[in-house]
């Protein structure tokens, strides 16, 4: 258990733009590229396998 730790979310999505994560086919994707031309919804799913 963490005590005294209060992480805060980014104020704007631009703070997340340079993060690179794998997509569903294991290709690297820069998050900022997802909303470059249009809005995007980011969803994280936890794998319980």
PDB file of N, CA and C in Angstrom:
ATOM      1  N   UNK A   1       0.837  -1.178   0.000  1.00  0.00           N
ATOM      2  CA  UNK A   1       0.000   0.000   0.000  1.00  0.00           C
ATOM      3  C   UNK A   1       0.885   1.246   0.000  1.00  0.00           C
ATOM      4  N   UNK A   2       0.583   2.161  -0.903  1.00  0.00           N
ATOM      5  CA  UNK A   2       1.323   3.414  -0.952  1.00  0.00           C
ATOM      6  C   UNK A   2       0.652   4.430  -0.049  1.00  0.00           C
ATOM      7  N   UNK A   3       1.433   5.111   0.707  1.00  0.00           N
ATOM      8  CA  UNK A   3       0.885   6.169   1.553  1.00  0.00           C
ATOM      9  C   UNK A   3       1.562   7.475   1.183  1.00  0.00           C
ATOM     10  N   UNK A   4       0.806   8.539   1.239  1.00  0.00           N
ATOM     11  CA  UNK A   4       1.361   9.838   0.915  1.00  0.00           C
ATOM     12  C   UNK A   4       1.634  10.033  -0.567  1.00  0.00           C
ATOM     13  N   UNK A   5       1.093   9.162  -1.394  1.00  0.00           N
ATOM     14  CA  UNK A   5       1.318   9.249  -2.839  1.00  0.00           C
ATOM     15  C   UNK A   5      -0.015   9.563  -3.503  1.00  0.00           C
ATOM     16  N   UNK A   6      -0.098  10.704  -4.154  1.00  0.00           N
ATOM     17  CA  UNK A   6      -1.339  11.112  -4.789  1.00  0.00           C
ATOM     18  C   UNK A   6      -1.050  11.512  -6.227  1.00  0.00           C
ATOM     19  N   UNK A   7      -1.016  10.541  -7.161  1.00  0.00           N
ATOM     20  CA  UNK A   7      -0.734  10.889  -8.554  1.00  0.00           C
ATOM     21  C   UNK A   7      -1.886  11.704  -9.139  1.00  0.00           C
ATOM     22  N   UNK A   8      -1.555  12.632  -9.996  1.00  0.00           N
ATOM     23  CA  UNK A   8      -2.597  13.424 -10.636  1.00  0.00           C
ATOM     24  C   UNK A   8      -2.548  13.183 -12.144  1.00  0.00           C
ATOM     25  N   UNK A   9      -3.707  13.176 -12.776  1.00  0.00           N
ATOM     26  CA  UNK A   9      -3.747  12.957 -14.223  1.00  0.00           C
ATOM     27  C   UNK A   9      -3.210  14.171 -14.964  1.00  0.00           C
ATOM     28  N   UNK A  10      -2.800  13.985 -16.221  1.00  0.00           N
ATOM     29  CA  UNK A  10      -2.341  15.139 -17.005  1.00  0.00           C
ATOM     30  C   UNK A  10      -3.472  16.141 -17.203  1.00  0.00           C
ATOM     31  N   UNK A  11      -3.112  17.388 -17.319  1.00  0.00           N
ATOM     32  CA  UNK A  11      -4.107  18.441 -17.515  1.00  0.00           C
ATOM     33  C   UNK A  11      -4.671  18.382 -18.931  1.00  0.00           C
ATOM     34  N   UNK A  12      -3.805  18.142 -19.911  1.00  0.00           N
ATOM     35  CA  UNK A  12      -4.248  18.013 -21.299  1.00  0.00           C
ATOM     36  C   UNK A  12      -3.672  16.739 -21.903  1.00  0.00           C
ATOM     37  N   UNK A  13      -4.311  16.246 -22.952  1.00  0.00           N
ATOM     38  CA  UNK A  13      -3.838  15.033 -23.628  1.00  0.00           C
ATOM     39  C   UNK A  13      -2.482  15.257 -24.277  1.00  0.00           C
ATOM     40  N   UNK A  14      -2.119  16.499 -24.560  1.00  0.00           N
ATOM     41  CA  UNK A  14      -0.822  16.783 -25.179  1.00  0.00           C
ATOM     42  C   UNK A  14       0.332  16.268 -24.323  1.00  0.00           C
ATOM     43  N   UNK A  15       0.125  16.166 -23.030  1.00  0.00           N
ATOM     44  CA  UNK A  15       1.164  15.651 -22.141  1.00  0.00           C
ATOM     45  C   UNK A  15       1.414  14.157 -22.364  1.00  0.00           C
ATOM     46  N   UNK A  16       0.483  13.478 -23.017  1.00  0.00           N
ATOM     47  CA  UNK A  16       0.610  12.048 -23.297  1.00  0.00           C
ATOM     48  C   UNK A  16       1.096  11.764 -24.723  1.00  0.00           C
ATOM     49  N   UNK A  17       1.208  12.791 -25.552  1.00  0.00           N
ATOM     50  CA  UNK A  17       1.439  12.630 -26.989  1.00  0.00           C
ATOM     51  C   UNK A  17       2.707  11.856 -27.337  1.00  0.00           C
ATOM     52  N   UNK A  18       3.765  11.981 -26.574  1.00  0.00           N
ATOM     53  CA  UNK A  18       5.032  11.336 -26.932  1.00  0.00           C
ATOM     54  C   UNK A  18       5.188   9.929 -26.366  1.00  0.00           C
ATOM     55  N   UNK A  19       4.191   9.423 -25.671  1.00  0.00           N
ATOM     56  CA  UNK A  19       4.247   8.050 -25.154  1.00  0.00           C
ATOM     57  C   UNK A  19       4.040   7.076 -26.305  1.00  0.00           C
ATOM     58  N   UNK A  20       4.873   6.053 -26.380  1.00  0.00           N
ATOM     59  CA  UNK A  20       4.770   5.033 -27.431  1.00  0.00           C
ATOM     60  C   UNK A  20       4.384   3.705 -26.779  1.00  0.00           C
ATOM     61  N   UNK A  21       3.303   3.107 -27.286  1.00  0.00           N
ATOM     62  CA  UNK A  21       2.808   1.834 -26.769  1.00  0.00           C
ATOM     63  C   UNK A  21       2.524   0.886 -27.933  1.00  0.00           C
ATOM     64  N   UNK A  22       2.509  -0.417 -27.672  1.00  0.00           N
ATOM     65  CA  UNK A  22       2.169  -1.361 -28.744  1.00  0.00           C
ATOM     66  C   UNK A  22       0.663  -1.380 -28.991  1.00  0.00           C
ATOM     67  N   UNK A  23       0.281  -1.536 -30.271  1.00  0.00           N
ATOM     68  CA  UNK A  23      -1.131  -1.684 -30.596  1.00  0.00           C
ATOM     69  C   UNK A  23      -1.517  -3.156 -30.529  1.00  0.00           C
ATOM     70  N   UNK A  24      -2.702  -3.487 -30.999  1.00  0.00           N
ATOM     71  CA  UNK A  24      -3.197  -4.860 -30.916  1.00  0.00           C
ATOM     72  C   UNK A  24      -2.410  -5.850 -31.773  1.00  0.00           C
ATOM     73  N   UNK A  25      -1.580  -5.337 -32.688  1.00  0.00           N
ATOM     74  CA  UNK A  25      -0.725  -6.197 -33.518  1.00  0.00           C
ATOM     75  C   UNK A  25       0.751  -6.060 -33.127  1.00  0.00           C
ATOM     76  N   UNK A  26       1.010  -5.505 -31.961  1.00  0.00           N
ATOM     77  CA  UNK A  26       2.361  -5.313 -31.406  1.00  0.00           C
ATOM     78  C   UNK A  26       3.216  -4.331 -32.192  1.00  0.00           C
ATOM     79  N   UNK A  27       2.606  -3.429 -32.935  1.00  0.00           N
ATOM     80  CA  UNK A  27       3.343  -2.358 -33.619  1.00  0.00           C
ATOM     81  C   UNK A  27       3.379  -1.146 -32.694  1.00  0.00           C
ATOM     82  N   UNK A  28       4.519  -0.471 -32.636  1.00  0.00           N
ATOM     83  CA  UNK A  28       4.641   0.730 -31.805  1.00  0.00           C
ATOM     84  C   UNK A  28       3.792   1.858 -32.379  1.00  0.00           C
ATOM     85  N   UNK A  29       3.035   2.511 -31.497  1.00  0.00           N
ATOM     86  CA  UNK A  29       2.182   3.628 -31.887  1.00  0.00           C
ATOM     87  C   UNK A  29       2.432   4.773 -30.920  1.00  0.00           C
ATOM     88  N   UNK A  30       2.730   5.943 -31.459  1.00  0.00           N
ATOM     89  CA  UNK A  30       2.870   7.156 -30.649  1.00  0.00           C
ATOM     90  C   UNK A  30       1.461   7.674 -30.383  1.00  0.00           C
ATOM     91  N   UNK A  31       1.115   7.873 -29.123  1.00  0.00           N
ATOM     92  CA  UNK A  31      -0.250   8.253 -28.784  1.00  0.00           C
ATOM     93  C   UNK A  31      -0.707   9.530 -29.488  1.00  0.00           C
ATOM     94  N   UNK A  32       0.169  10.505 -29.610  1.00  0.00           N
ATOM     95  CA  UNK A  32      -0.196  11.756 -30.264  1.00  0.00           C
ATOM     96  C   UNK A  32      -0.595  11.579 -31.718  1.00  0.00           C
ATOM     97  N   UNK A  33      -0.102  10.518 -32.368  1.00  0.00           N
ATOM     98  CA  UNK A  33      -0.486  10.247 -33.753  1.00  0.00           C
ATOM     99  C   UNK A  33      -1.942   9.803 -33.861  1.00  0.00           C
ATOM    100  N   UNK A  34      -2.507   9.300 -32.785  1.00  0.00           N
ATOM    101  CA  UNK A  34      -3.884   8.822 -32.819  1.00  0.00           C
ATOM    102  C   UNK A  34      -4.891   9.957 -32.924  1.00  0.00           C
ATOM    103  N   UNK A  35      -4.568  11.121 -32.363  1.00  0.00           N
ATOM    104  CA  UNK A  35      -5.512  12.236 -32.425  1.00  0.00           C
ATOM    105  C   UNK A  35      -4.991  13.394 -33.258  1.00  0.00           C
ATOM    106  N   UNK A  36      -4.058  13.125 -34.165  1.00  0.00           N
ATOM    107  CA  UNK A  36      -3.506  14.177 -35.010  1.00  0.00           C
ATOM    108  C   UNK A  36      -4.518  14.774 -35.970  1.00  0.00           C
ATOM    109  N   UNK A  37      -5.405  13.942 -36.526  1.00  0.00           N
ATOM    110  CA  UNK A  37      -6.369  14.405 -37.532  1.00  0.00           C
ATOM    111  C   UNK A  37      -7.800  14.486 -37.019  1.00  0.00           C
ATOM    112  N   UNK A  38      -8.074  13.765 -35.934  1.00  0.00           N
ATOM    113  CA  UNK A  38      -9.449  13.732 -35.407  1.00  0.00           C
ATOM    114  C   UNK A  38      -9.402  13.309 -33.940  1.00  0.00           C
ATOM    115  N   UNK A  39     -10.490  13.486 -33.223  1.00  0.00           N
ATOM    116  CA  UNK A  39     -10.511  13.067 -31.818  1.00  0.00           C
ATOM    117  C   UNK A  39     -10.311  11.556 -31.687  1.00  0.00           C
ATOM    118  N   UNK A  40      -9.807  11.137 -30.551  1.00  0.00           N
ATOM    119  CA  UNK A  40      -9.586   9.712 -30.298  1.00  0.00           C
ATOM    120  C   UNK A  40      -9.976   9.386 -28.859  1.00  0.00           C
ATOM    121  N   UNK A  41     -10.429   8.168 -28.662  1.00  0.00           N
ATOM    122  CA  UNK A  41     -10.710   7.671 -27.314  1.00  0.00           C
ATOM    123  C   UNK A  41      -9.671   6.609 -26.998  1.00  0.00           C
ATOM    124  N   UNK A  42      -8.997   6.740 -25.879  1.00  0.00           N
ATOM    125  CA  UNK A  42      -7.997   5.761 -25.459  1.00  0.00           C
ATOM    126  C   UNK A  42      -8.599   4.877 -24.381  1.00  0.00           C
ATOM    127  N   UNK A  43      -8.488   3.572 -24.579  1.00  0.00           N
ATOM    128  CA  UNK A  43      -9.042   2.608 -23.629  1.00  0.00           C
ATOM    129  C   UNK A  43      -7.951   1.619 -23.269  1.00  0.00           C
ATOM    130  N   UNK A  44      -7.709   1.452 -21.974  1.00  0.00           N
ATOM    131  CA  UNK A  44      -6.739   0.464 -21.506  1.00  0.00           C
ATOM    132  C   UNK A  44      -7.514  -0.705 -20.935  1.00  0.00           C
ATOM    133  N   UNK A  45      -7.161  -1.893 -21.400  1.00  0.00           N
ATOM    134  CA  UNK A  45      -7.765  -3.117 -20.875  1.00  0.00           C
ATOM    135  C   UNK A  45      -6.702  -3.910 -20.154  1.00  0.00           C
ATOM    136  N   UNK A  46      -7.037  -4.411 -19.008  1.00  0.00           N
ATOM    137  CA  UNK A  46      -6.096  -5.217 -18.248  1.00  0.00           C
ATOM    138  C   UNK A  46      -6.297  -6.682 -18.614  1.00  0.00           C
ATOM    139  N   UNK A  47      -5.198  -7.357 -18.875  1.00  0.00           N
ATOM    140  CA  UNK A  47      -5.250  -8.766 -19.241  1.00  0.00           C
ATOM    141  C   UNK A  47      -5.136  -9.617 -17.983  1.00  0.00           C
ATOM    142  N   UNK A  48      -6.112 -10.467 -17.768  1.00  0.00           N
ATOM    143  CA  UNK A  48      -6.126 -11.324 -16.579  1.00  0.00           C
ATOM    144  C   UNK A  48      -5.816 -12.766 -16.931  1.00  0.00           C
ATOM    145  N   UNK A  49      -4.985 -13.023 -17.913  1.00  0.00           N
ATOM    146  CA  UNK A  49      -4.715 -14.373 -18.377  1.00  0.00           C
ATOM    147  C   UNK A  49      -3.644 -14.998 -17.625  1.00  0.00           C
TER     148      UNK A  49
END
